[in-house]
Amino acid sequence: MTLDEMLAKIAAEDAQAAPPHSIESRVLREFDGPPKPVRSWIPAWTAAAAACVAAAAIALRQPPPVPAAERPFLPVPYTAPPATYERTSVVRMDVPVAALVAAGFEVHAPDAGGEIQADVLFGQDGRALAVRIVPDSERRISQ
């Protein structure tokens, strides 16, 4: 069988496999007709995303913490208070109970060799100016 014969056979089979004329005319009418409106999903997706963000914000929103009655800073005896222009910083640290007692603070702890957690106010020159004992650390040391 030559190449021409094979191509003629394929063409004959292809002619038999062609779709009916009615289907072809329907397809051509679809292409020739007015374009159908295209739905835009962008507004729907935007609204859905906004709703999810709002729901997450409501679900994760916690009431503001109620401020506990904070203890005031107690000045370290025999230190001058900071000047109005002086920069200060507060550092939470473990302070030896013995150092607080030696500085003149009254600390009720069974172990004078232990440490207690406190907020220490430092002046610009690095001196400790005031101390505020963290309430939870007193319970921890008294146990």
N, C-alpha and C. Protein backbone atom coordinates (compact mmCIF):
# COMPACT_ATOMS: atom_id res chain seq x y z
N MET A 1 0.85 -1.16 0.00
CA MET A 1 0.00 0.00 0.00
C MET A 1 0.91 1.23 0.00
N THR A 2 0.60 2.12 -0.91
CA THR A 2 1.40 3.31 -1.04
C THR A 2 0.90 4.39 -0.09
N LEU A 3 1.67 5.42 -0.01
CA LEU A 3 1.32 6.51 0.88
C LEU A 3 0.04 7.19 0.42
N ASP A 4 -0.15 7.36 -0.87
CA ASP A 4 -1.38 7.99 -1.39
C ASP A 4 -2.61 7.15 -1.05
N GLU A 5 -2.50 5.87 -1.15
CA GLU A 5 -3.63 5.00 -0.82
C GLU A 5 -3.97 5.09 0.67
N MET A 6 -2.96 5.14 1.52
CA MET A 6 -3.19 5.23 2.95
C MET A 6 -3.86 6.55 3.32
N LEU A 7 -3.40 7.63 2.69
CA LEU A 7 -4.01 8.92 2.96
C LEU A 7 -5.46 8.97 2.48
N ALA A 8 -5.75 8.34 1.35
CA ALA A 8 -7.11 8.31 0.83
C ALA A 8 -8.01 7.51 1.76
N LYS A 9 -7.49 6.42 2.33
CA LYS A 9 -8.25 5.61 3.27
C LYS A 9 -8.56 6.39 4.54
N ILE A 10 -7.58 7.13 5.04
CA ILE A 10 -7.77 7.95 6.25
C ILE A 10 -8.80 9.04 5.99
N ALA A 11 -8.76 9.65 4.80
CA ALA A 11 -9.72 10.71 4.46
C ALA A 11 -11.12 10.15 4.39
N ALA A 12 -11.28 8.93 3.86
CA ALA A 12 -12.61 8.31 3.77
C ALA A 12 -13.14 8.00 5.17
N GLU A 13 -12.29 7.51 6.04
CA GLU A 13 -12.72 7.22 7.41
C GLU A 13 -13.08 8.52 8.14
N ASP A 14 -12.32 9.57 7.88
CA ASP A 14 -12.57 10.85 8.53
C ASP A 14 -13.90 11.43 8.05
N ALA A 15 -14.24 11.25 6.80
CA ALA A 15 -15.50 11.77 6.26
C ALA A 15 -16.68 11.06 6.91
N GLN A 16 -16.53 9.79 7.21
CA GLN A 16 -17.60 9.05 7.86
C GLN A 16 -17.74 9.46 9.32
N ALA A 17 -16.66 9.86 9.96
CA ALA A 17 -16.68 10.20 11.38
C ALA A 17 -17.05 11.67 11.62
N ALA A 18 -17.34 12.42 10.59
CA ALA A 18 -17.68 13.83 10.75
C ALA A 18 -19.00 13.96 11.52
N PRO A 19 -19.14 15.01 12.35
CA PRO A 19 -20.37 15.18 13.13
C PRO A 19 -21.54 15.53 12.21
N PRO A 20 -22.73 15.27 12.68
CA PRO A 20 -23.90 15.62 11.87
C PRO A 20 -23.95 17.14 11.62
N HIS A 21 -24.59 17.51 10.54
CA HIS A 21 -24.67 18.90 10.13
C HIS A 21 -25.40 19.75 11.20
N SER A 22 -26.35 19.18 11.91
CA SER A 22 -27.10 19.94 12.91
C SER A 22 -26.20 20.40 14.07
N ILE A 23 -25.28 19.54 14.48
CA ILE A 23 -24.38 19.91 15.58
C ILE A 23 -23.44 21.02 15.12
N GLU A 24 -22.93 20.88 13.92
CA GLU A 24 -22.02 21.89 13.39
C GLU A 24 -22.72 23.25 13.29
N SER A 25 -23.96 23.26 12.85
CA SER A 25 -24.68 24.54 12.71
C SER A 25 -24.96 25.15 14.10
N ARG A 26 -25.26 24.32 15.10
CA ARG A 26 -25.47 24.85 16.45
C ARG A 26 -24.20 25.48 17.01
N VAL A 27 -23.07 24.83 16.79
CA VAL A 27 -21.80 25.36 17.28
C VAL A 27 -21.49 26.69 16.59
N LEU A 28 -21.71 26.77 15.30
CA LEU A 28 -21.45 28.02 14.59
C LEU A 28 -22.38 29.13 15.05
N ARG A 29 -23.65 28.81 15.35
CA ARG A 29 -24.59 29.82 15.85
C ARG A 29 -24.13 30.37 17.21
N GLU A 30 -23.57 29.50 18.05
CA GLU A 30 -23.06 29.95 19.36
C GLU A 30 -21.93 30.96 19.18
N PHE A 31 -21.05 30.70 18.24
CA PHE A 31 -19.94 31.62 18.01
C PHE A 31 -20.39 32.92 17.35
N ASP A 32 -21.41 32.85 16.49
CA ASP A 32 -21.88 34.04 15.77
C ASP A 32 -22.82 34.90 16.61
N GLY A 33 -23.42 34.37 17.65
CA GLY A 33 -24.40 35.09 18.46
C GLY A 33 -23.75 36.13 19.36
N PRO A 34 -24.59 36.88 20.09
CA PRO A 34 -24.04 37.89 20.99
C PRO A 34 -23.30 37.20 22.16
N PRO A 35 -22.25 37.85 22.65
CA PRO A 35 -21.50 37.21 23.75
C PRO A 35 -22.34 37.16 25.01
N LYS A 36 -22.18 36.09 25.74
CA LYS A 36 -22.89 35.94 27.01
C LYS A 36 -22.14 36.69 28.09
N PRO A 37 -22.87 37.27 29.05
CA PRO A 37 -22.16 38.00 30.11
C PRO A 37 -21.31 37.04 30.95
N VAL A 38 -20.13 37.51 31.28
CA VAL A 38 -19.20 36.72 32.08
C VAL A 38 -19.41 37.10 33.53
N ARG A 39 -19.62 36.12 34.36
CA ARG A 39 -19.78 36.39 35.79
C ARG A 39 -18.43 36.71 36.39
N SER A 40 -18.43 37.72 37.21
CA SER A 40 -17.21 38.09 37.91
C SER A 40 -17.33 37.60 39.35
N TRP A 41 -16.40 36.74 39.74
CA TRP A 41 -16.42 36.20 41.10
C TRP A 41 -15.60 37.05 42.07
N ILE A 42 -14.96 38.10 41.57
CA ILE A 42 -14.10 38.91 42.44
C ILE A 42 -14.90 39.55 43.57
N PRO A 43 -16.08 40.19 43.30
CA PRO A 43 -16.82 40.76 44.43
C PRO A 43 -17.26 39.71 45.45
N ALA A 44 -17.64 38.54 44.97
CA ALA A 44 -18.08 37.48 45.89
C ALA A 44 -16.91 37.01 46.76
N TRP A 45 -15.74 36.81 46.15
CA TRP A 45 -14.58 36.38 46.91
C TRP A 45 -14.13 37.46 47.89
N THR A 46 -14.22 38.71 47.47
CA THR A 46 -13.84 39.80 48.36
C THR A 46 -14.77 39.86 49.57
N ALA A 47 -16.06 39.72 49.32
CA ALA A 47 -17.02 39.74 50.42
C ALA A 47 -16.81 38.55 51.36
N ALA A 48 -16.53 37.39 50.79
CA ALA A 48 -16.29 36.21 51.62
C ALA A 48 -15.03 36.38 52.47
N ALA A 49 -13.97 36.94 51.87
CA ALA A 49 -12.73 37.17 52.63
C ALA A 49 -12.95 38.18 53.74
N ALA A 50 -13.71 39.25 53.45
CA ALA A 50 -13.99 40.25 54.48
C ALA A 50 -14.81 39.65 55.61
N ALA A 51 -15.76 38.79 55.28
CA ALA A 51 -16.56 38.14 56.31
C ALA A 51 -15.70 37.23 57.18
N CYS A 52 -14.76 36.52 56.58
CA CYS A 52 -13.87 35.65 57.35
C CYS A 52 -12.98 36.47 58.28
N VAL A 53 -12.45 37.57 57.78
CA VAL A 53 -11.60 38.42 58.62
C VAL A 53 -12.40 38.99 59.78
N ALA A 54 -13.62 39.44 59.51
CA ALA A 54 -14.46 39.99 60.57
C ALA A 54 -14.80 38.92 61.61
N ALA A 55 -15.12 37.71 61.14
CA ALA A 55 -15.44 36.63 62.07
C ALA A 55 -14.23 36.27 62.93
N ALA A 56 -13.05 36.24 62.31
CA ALA A 56 -11.84 35.92 63.08
C ALA A 56 -11.54 37.01 64.10
N ALA A 57 -11.74 38.26 63.71
CA ALA A 57 -11.49 39.36 64.64
C ALA A 57 -12.43 39.30 65.84
N ILE A 58 -13.69 38.96 65.57
CA ILE A 58 -14.67 38.86 66.67
C ILE A 58 -14.35 37.66 67.56
N ALA A 59 -13.97 36.55 66.94
CA ALA A 59 -13.69 35.34 67.71
C ALA A 59 -12.42 35.49 68.56
N LEU A 60 -11.42 36.17 68.02
CA LEU A 60 -10.16 36.30 68.73
C LEU A 60 -10.12 37.49 69.68
N ARG A 61 -11.11 38.33 69.60
CA ARG A 61 -11.11 39.51 70.46
C ARG A 61 -11.35 39.09 71.90
N GLN A 62 -10.47 39.52 72.75
CA GLN A 62 -10.60 39.21 74.16
C GLN A 62 -10.84 40.51 74.89
N PRO A 63 -11.58 40.45 75.96
CA PRO A 63 -11.79 41.68 76.71
C PRO A 63 -10.45 42.19 77.24
N PRO A 64 -10.30 43.50 77.33
CA PRO A 64 -9.03 44.02 77.82
C PRO A 64 -8.77 43.54 79.24
N PRO A 65 -7.52 43.26 79.55
CA PRO A 65 -7.22 42.77 80.90
C PRO A 65 -7.54 43.84 81.94
N VAL A 66 -8.10 43.37 83.03
CA VAL A 66 -8.43 44.28 84.12
C VAL A 66 -7.13 44.58 84.85
N PRO A 67 -6.78 45.86 84.95
CA PRO A 67 -5.50 46.17 85.61
C PRO A 67 -5.56 45.80 87.09
N ALA A 68 -4.60 45.02 87.49
CA ALA A 68 -4.52 44.64 88.90
C ALA A 68 -4.03 45.84 89.70
N ALA A 69 -4.37 45.84 90.94
CA ALA A 69 -3.93 46.94 91.80
C ALA A 69 -2.41 46.83 91.92
N GLU A 70 -1.72 47.67 91.20
CA GLU A 70 -0.26 47.60 91.20
C GLU A 70 0.29 48.25 92.46
N ARG A 71 1.33 47.67 92.92
CA ARG A 71 2.02 48.25 94.06
C ARG A 71 2.88 49.41 93.55
N PRO A 72 3.02 50.42 94.32
CA PRO A 72 3.88 51.52 93.87
C PRO A 72 5.35 51.15 94.02
N PHE A 73 6.18 51.87 93.27
CA PHE A 73 7.62 51.70 93.45
C PHE A 73 8.00 52.30 94.80
N LEU A 74 8.80 51.57 95.54
CA LEU A 74 9.30 52.07 96.83
C LEU A 74 10.71 52.59 96.60
N PRO A 75 10.96 53.85 96.94
CA PRO A 75 12.30 54.39 96.69
C PRO A 75 13.35 53.70 97.54
N VAL A 76 14.51 53.52 96.96
CA VAL A 76 15.63 52.95 97.70
C VAL A 76 16.10 54.03 98.69
N PRO A 77 16.23 53.66 99.97
CA PRO A 77 16.62 54.67 100.98
C PRO A 77 17.95 55.35 100.64
N TYR A 78 18.02 56.62 100.93
CA TYR A 78 19.23 57.44 100.79
C TYR A 78 19.67 57.62 99.33
N THR A 79 18.72 57.57 98.41
CA THR A 79 19.05 57.89 97.01
C THR A 79 18.21 59.08 96.60
N ALA A 80 18.81 59.93 95.79
CA ALA A 80 18.09 61.11 95.31
C ALA A 80 17.11 60.68 94.21
N PRO A 81 15.93 61.26 94.18
CA PRO A 81 14.99 60.91 93.11
C PRO A 81 15.53 61.37 91.76
N PRO A 82 15.08 60.75 90.68
CA PRO A 82 15.59 61.14 89.37
C PRO A 82 15.13 62.55 89.01
N ALA A 83 15.98 63.26 88.29
CA ALA A 83 15.62 64.59 87.80
C ALA A 83 14.58 64.44 86.69
N THR A 84 13.86 65.52 86.41
CA THR A 84 12.79 65.45 85.40
C THR A 84 13.34 65.15 84.01
N TYR A 85 14.55 65.53 83.73
CA TYR A 85 15.14 65.31 82.41
C TYR A 85 15.90 63.98 82.32
N GLU A 86 16.03 63.27 83.43
CA GLU A 86 16.83 62.05 83.46
C GLU A 86 16.04 60.88 82.87
N ARG A 87 16.72 60.11 82.05
CA ARG A 87 16.11 58.90 81.50
C ARG A 87 16.17 57.78 82.53
N THR A 88 15.08 57.04 82.63
CA THR A 88 15.04 55.91 83.55
C THR A 88 14.60 54.68 82.78
N SER A 89 14.86 53.53 83.36
CA SER A 89 14.42 52.27 82.76
C SER A 89 14.01 51.31 83.87
N VAL A 90 13.06 50.46 83.55
CA VAL A 90 12.58 49.47 84.51
C VAL A 90 13.02 48.10 84.02
N VAL A 91 13.63 47.32 84.91
CA VAL A 91 14.11 45.99 84.58
C VAL A 91 13.54 45.01 85.59
N ARG A 92 12.90 43.94 85.08
CA ARG A 92 12.42 42.87 85.97
C ARG A 92 13.57 41.90 86.15
N MET A 93 13.90 41.66 87.41
CA MET A 93 15.05 40.81 87.70
C MET A 93 14.86 40.08 89.03
N ASP A 94 15.67 39.06 89.23
CA ASP A 94 15.70 38.35 90.50
C ASP A 94 16.67 39.06 91.42
N VAL A 95 16.17 39.53 92.55
CA VAL A 95 16.99 40.30 93.50
C VAL A 95 17.18 39.44 94.75
N PRO A 96 18.38 39.33 95.26
CA PRO A 96 18.59 38.58 96.49
C PRO A 96 17.83 39.23 97.65
N VAL A 97 17.17 38.41 98.46
CA VAL A 97 16.41 38.91 99.61
C VAL A 97 17.36 39.64 100.56
N ALA A 98 18.55 39.13 100.73
CA ALA A 98 19.52 39.75 101.63
C ALA A 98 19.86 41.17 101.18
N ALA A 99 19.93 41.40 99.86
CA ALA A 99 20.25 42.74 99.35
C ALA A 99 19.10 43.70 99.64
N LEU A 100 17.87 43.22 99.53
CA LEU A 100 16.72 44.09 99.84
C LEU A 100 16.69 44.43 101.32
N VAL A 101 16.98 43.46 102.16
CA VAL A 101 17.00 43.70 103.61
C VAL A 101 18.13 44.67 103.94
N ALA A 102 19.29 44.50 103.33
CA ALA A 102 20.42 45.38 103.59
C ALA A 102 20.14 46.81 103.14
N ALA A 103 19.30 46.96 102.09
CA ALA A 103 18.96 48.30 101.60
C ALA A 103 17.89 48.96 102.46
N GLY A 104 17.29 48.21 103.39
CA GLY A 104 16.30 48.79 104.28
C GLY A 104 14.87 48.41 103.99
N PHE A 105 14.65 47.46 103.11
CA PHE A 105 13.30 47.02 102.81
C PHE A 105 12.89 45.93 103.78
N GLU A 106 11.61 45.88 104.07
CA GLU A 106 11.07 44.83 104.93
C GLU A 106 10.52 43.73 104.02
N VAL A 107 11.18 42.59 104.04
CA VAL A 107 10.79 41.47 103.20
C VAL A 107 10.48 40.29 104.10
N HIS A 108 9.30 39.74 103.94
CA HIS A 108 8.89 38.59 104.74
C HIS A 108 9.16 37.33 103.93
N ALA A 109 10.30 36.75 104.16
CA ALA A 109 10.67 35.54 103.45
C ALA A 109 11.35 34.60 104.43
N PRO A 110 11.02 33.31 104.37
CA PRO A 110 11.63 32.37 105.30
C PRO A 110 13.11 32.15 105.02
N ASP A 111 13.53 32.34 103.78
CA ASP A 111 14.92 32.09 103.41
C ASP A 111 15.58 33.40 103.00
N ALA A 112 16.42 33.93 103.84
CA ALA A 112 17.10 35.20 103.53
C ALA A 112 18.14 35.02 102.44
N GLY A 113 18.50 33.78 102.14
CA GLY A 113 19.49 33.52 101.08
C GLY A 113 18.84 33.35 99.73
N GLY A 114 17.51 33.41 99.64
CA GLY A 114 16.82 33.22 98.37
C GLY A 114 16.75 34.49 97.54
N GLU A 115 16.09 34.38 96.43
CA GLU A 115 15.90 35.52 95.54
C GLU A 115 14.42 35.78 95.36
N ILE A 116 14.08 37.01 95.06
CA ILE A 116 12.70 37.40 94.84
C ILE A 116 12.65 38.23 93.55
N GLN A 117 11.59 38.05 92.80
CA GLN A 117 11.48 38.77 91.53
C GLN A 117 10.92 40.17 91.79
N ALA A 118 11.56 41.18 91.19
CA ALA A 118 11.14 42.56 91.42
C ALA A 118 11.40 43.39 90.18
N ASP A 119 10.61 44.46 90.04
CA ASP A 119 10.87 45.47 89.02
C ASP A 119 11.75 46.53 89.65
N VAL A 120 12.89 46.79 89.04
CA VAL A 120 13.84 47.75 89.58
C VAL A 120 13.92 48.94 88.63
N LEU A 121 13.75 50.14 89.18
CA LEU A 121 13.85 51.38 88.41
C LEU A 121 15.28 51.87 88.48
N PHE A 122 15.94 51.94 87.32
CA PHE A 122 17.32 52.39 87.25
C PHE A 122 17.38 53.78 86.66
N GLY A 123 18.29 54.60 87.20
CA GLY A 123 18.50 55.93 86.67
C GLY A 123 19.43 55.90 85.48
N GLN A 124 19.65 57.07 84.91
CA GLN A 124 20.50 57.19 83.73
C GLN A 124 21.93 56.78 84.02
N ASP A 125 22.37 56.95 85.26
CA ASP A 125 23.74 56.59 85.64
C ASP A 125 23.88 55.14 86.08
N GLY A 126 22.78 54.37 86.05
CA GLY A 126 22.84 52.95 86.39
C GLY A 126 22.54 52.65 87.84
N ARG A 127 22.22 53.67 88.64
CA ARG A 127 21.88 53.43 90.05
C ARG A 127 20.45 52.92 90.16
N ALA A 128 20.23 52.03 91.11
CA ALA A 128 18.87 51.59 91.41
C ALA A 128 18.20 52.68 92.23
N LEU A 129 17.05 53.17 91.74
CA LEU A 129 16.35 54.26 92.42
C LEU A 129 15.14 53.79 93.21
N ALA A 130 14.46 52.76 92.71
CA ALA A 130 13.25 52.28 93.38
C ALA A 130 13.04 50.82 93.03
N VAL A 131 12.25 50.15 93.88
CA VAL A 131 11.98 48.72 93.70
C VAL A 131 10.50 48.47 93.89
N ARG A 132 9.95 47.58 93.06
CA ARG A 132 8.57 47.12 93.23
C ARG A 132 8.61 45.60 93.15
N ILE A 133 8.24 44.95 94.23
CA ILE A 133 8.27 43.48 94.27
C ILE A 133 7.08 42.93 93.50
N VAL A 134 7.33 41.94 92.66
CA VAL A 134 6.28 41.31 91.87
C VAL A 134 5.46 40.43 92.81
N PRO A 135 4.12 40.61 92.83
CA PRO A 135 3.30 39.88 93.80
C PRO A 135 3.43 38.36 93.73
N ASP A 136 3.53 37.78 92.54
CA ASP A 136 3.62 36.31 92.43
C ASP A 136 4.90 35.77 93.03
N SER A 137 5.96 36.56 93.02
CA SER A 137 7.23 36.04 93.52
C SER A 137 7.22 35.94 95.04
N GLU A 138 6.43 36.77 95.73
CA GLU A 138 6.35 36.65 97.18
C GLU A 138 5.72 35.31 97.56
N ARG A 139 4.70 34.92 96.83
CA ARG A 139 4.07 33.63 97.11
C ARG A 139 5.03 32.50 96.85
N ARG A 140 5.81 32.65 95.81
CA ARG A 140 6.75 31.60 95.42
C ARG A 140 7.83 31.42 96.48
N ILE A 141 8.33 32.52 97.03
CA ILE A 141 9.42 32.41 98.00
C ILE A 141 8.92 31.99 99.38
N SER A 142 7.66 32.28 99.69
CA SER A 142 7.16 31.92 101.02
C SER A 142 6.79 30.45 101.11
N GLN A 143 6.79 29.75 100.01
CA GLN A 143 6.43 28.33 100.03
C GLN A 143 7.64 27.46 100.35
